[in-house]
C-alpha cells in the first residue's frame, strides 16, 4: 500500500486532469450564470412580441418600437 501511495504521488496525469476540470468549470460556470440571468428578460420580451403579433400591432409588442 505504501508503494502505491508513493507511485500515485509521483504521477502527474491525475493533477493535469484536475486542472482541466477546474478550467472547464471556470468557463462553463459563468456561461450558465449568464444564461440564467438573461433568460427572464428574454422570456418577457418574447411574450410581449407574441402579444403584439397576436393583436396585429406590427409585432412590436409594446416595447417602444415604431409600428408600421
Protein backbone atom coordinates (compact mmCIF):
# COMPACT_ATOMS: atom_id res chain seq x y z
CA UNK A 1 0.00 0.00 0.00
CA UNK A 2 2.87 2.38 0.77
CA UNK A 3 4.36 1.73 -2.69
CA UNK A 4 1.02 2.54 -4.30
CA UNK A 5 0.76 5.85 -2.45
CA UNK A 6 4.32 6.85 -3.37
CA UNK A 7 3.75 5.96 -7.01
CA UNK A 8 0.42 7.81 -7.04
CA UNK A 9 2.05 10.98 -5.68
CA UNK A 10 4.74 10.88 -8.38
CA UNK A 11 2.33 10.56 -11.30
CA UNK A 12 1.12 13.87 -12.72
CA UNK A 13 -1.65 12.67 -15.03
CA UNK A 14 -4.23 12.97 -12.28
CA UNK A 15 -3.13 16.51 -11.49
CA UNK A 16 -3.48 17.54 -15.14
CA UNK A 17 -6.98 16.09 -15.21
CA UNK A 18 -7.94 18.08 -12.13
CA UNK A 19 -6.55 21.23 -13.76
CA UNK A 20 -8.70 20.68 -16.85
CA UNK A 21 -11.79 20.06 -14.75
CA UNK A 22 -11.23 23.28 -12.82
CA UNK A 23 -10.60 25.29 -16.00
CA UNK A 24 -13.69 23.86 -17.67
CA UNK A 25 -15.81 24.70 -14.64
CA UNK A 26 -14.38 28.23 -14.68
CA UNK A 27 -15.56 28.67 -18.27
CA UNK A 28 -18.91 26.87 -18.05
CA UNK A 29 -19.98 28.32 -14.70
CA UNK A 30 -20.19 31.98 -15.79
CA UNK A 31 -21.89 30.89 -19.01
CA UNK A 32 -24.64 29.12 -17.10
CA UNK A 33 -24.97 32.08 -14.75
CA UNK A 34 -25.28 34.45 -17.70
CA UNK A 35 -27.99 32.37 -19.35
CA UNK A 36 -29.91 32.18 -16.08
CA UNK A 37 -29.68 35.95 -15.68
CA UNK A 38 -30.77 36.81 -19.22
CA UNK A 39 -33.48 34.18 -19.63
CA UNK A 40 -36.09 36.11 -17.62
CA UNK A 41 -35.73 39.20 -19.79
CA UNK A 42 -35.76 37.18 -22.98
CA UNK A 43 -38.93 35.36 -21.95
CA UNK A 44 -40.59 38.68 -21.10
CA UNK A 45 -39.62 40.22 -24.44
CA UNK A 46 -40.79 37.14 -26.34
CA UNK A 47 -44.12 37.32 -24.54
CA UNK A 48 -44.52 41.00 -25.47
CA UNK A 49 -43.71 40.24 -29.10
CA UNK A 50 -46.17 37.35 -29.12
CA UNK A 51 -48.88 39.60 -27.71
CA UNK A 52 -48.14 42.28 -30.29
CA UNK A 53 -48.20 39.86 -33.19
CA UNK A 54 -51.47 38.33 -31.98
CA UNK A 55 -53.03 41.79 -31.59
CA UNK A 56 -51.83 42.88 -35.03
CA UNK A 57 -49.68 45.79 -33.82
CA UNK A 58 -46.90 45.09 -36.27
CA UNK A 59 -45.05 42.77 -33.94
CA UNK A 60 -43.70 45.46 -31.63
CA UNK A 61 -45.45 44.03 -28.57
CA UNK A 62 -45.37 47.39 -26.86
CA UNK A 63 -41.60 47.53 -26.49
CA UNK A 64 -41.30 51.04 -27.87
CA UNK A 65 -40.56 50.18 -31.47
CA UNK A 66 -42.42 52.08 -34.19
CA UNK A 67 -45.23 50.05 -35.70
CA UNK A 68 -45.84 50.02 -39.44
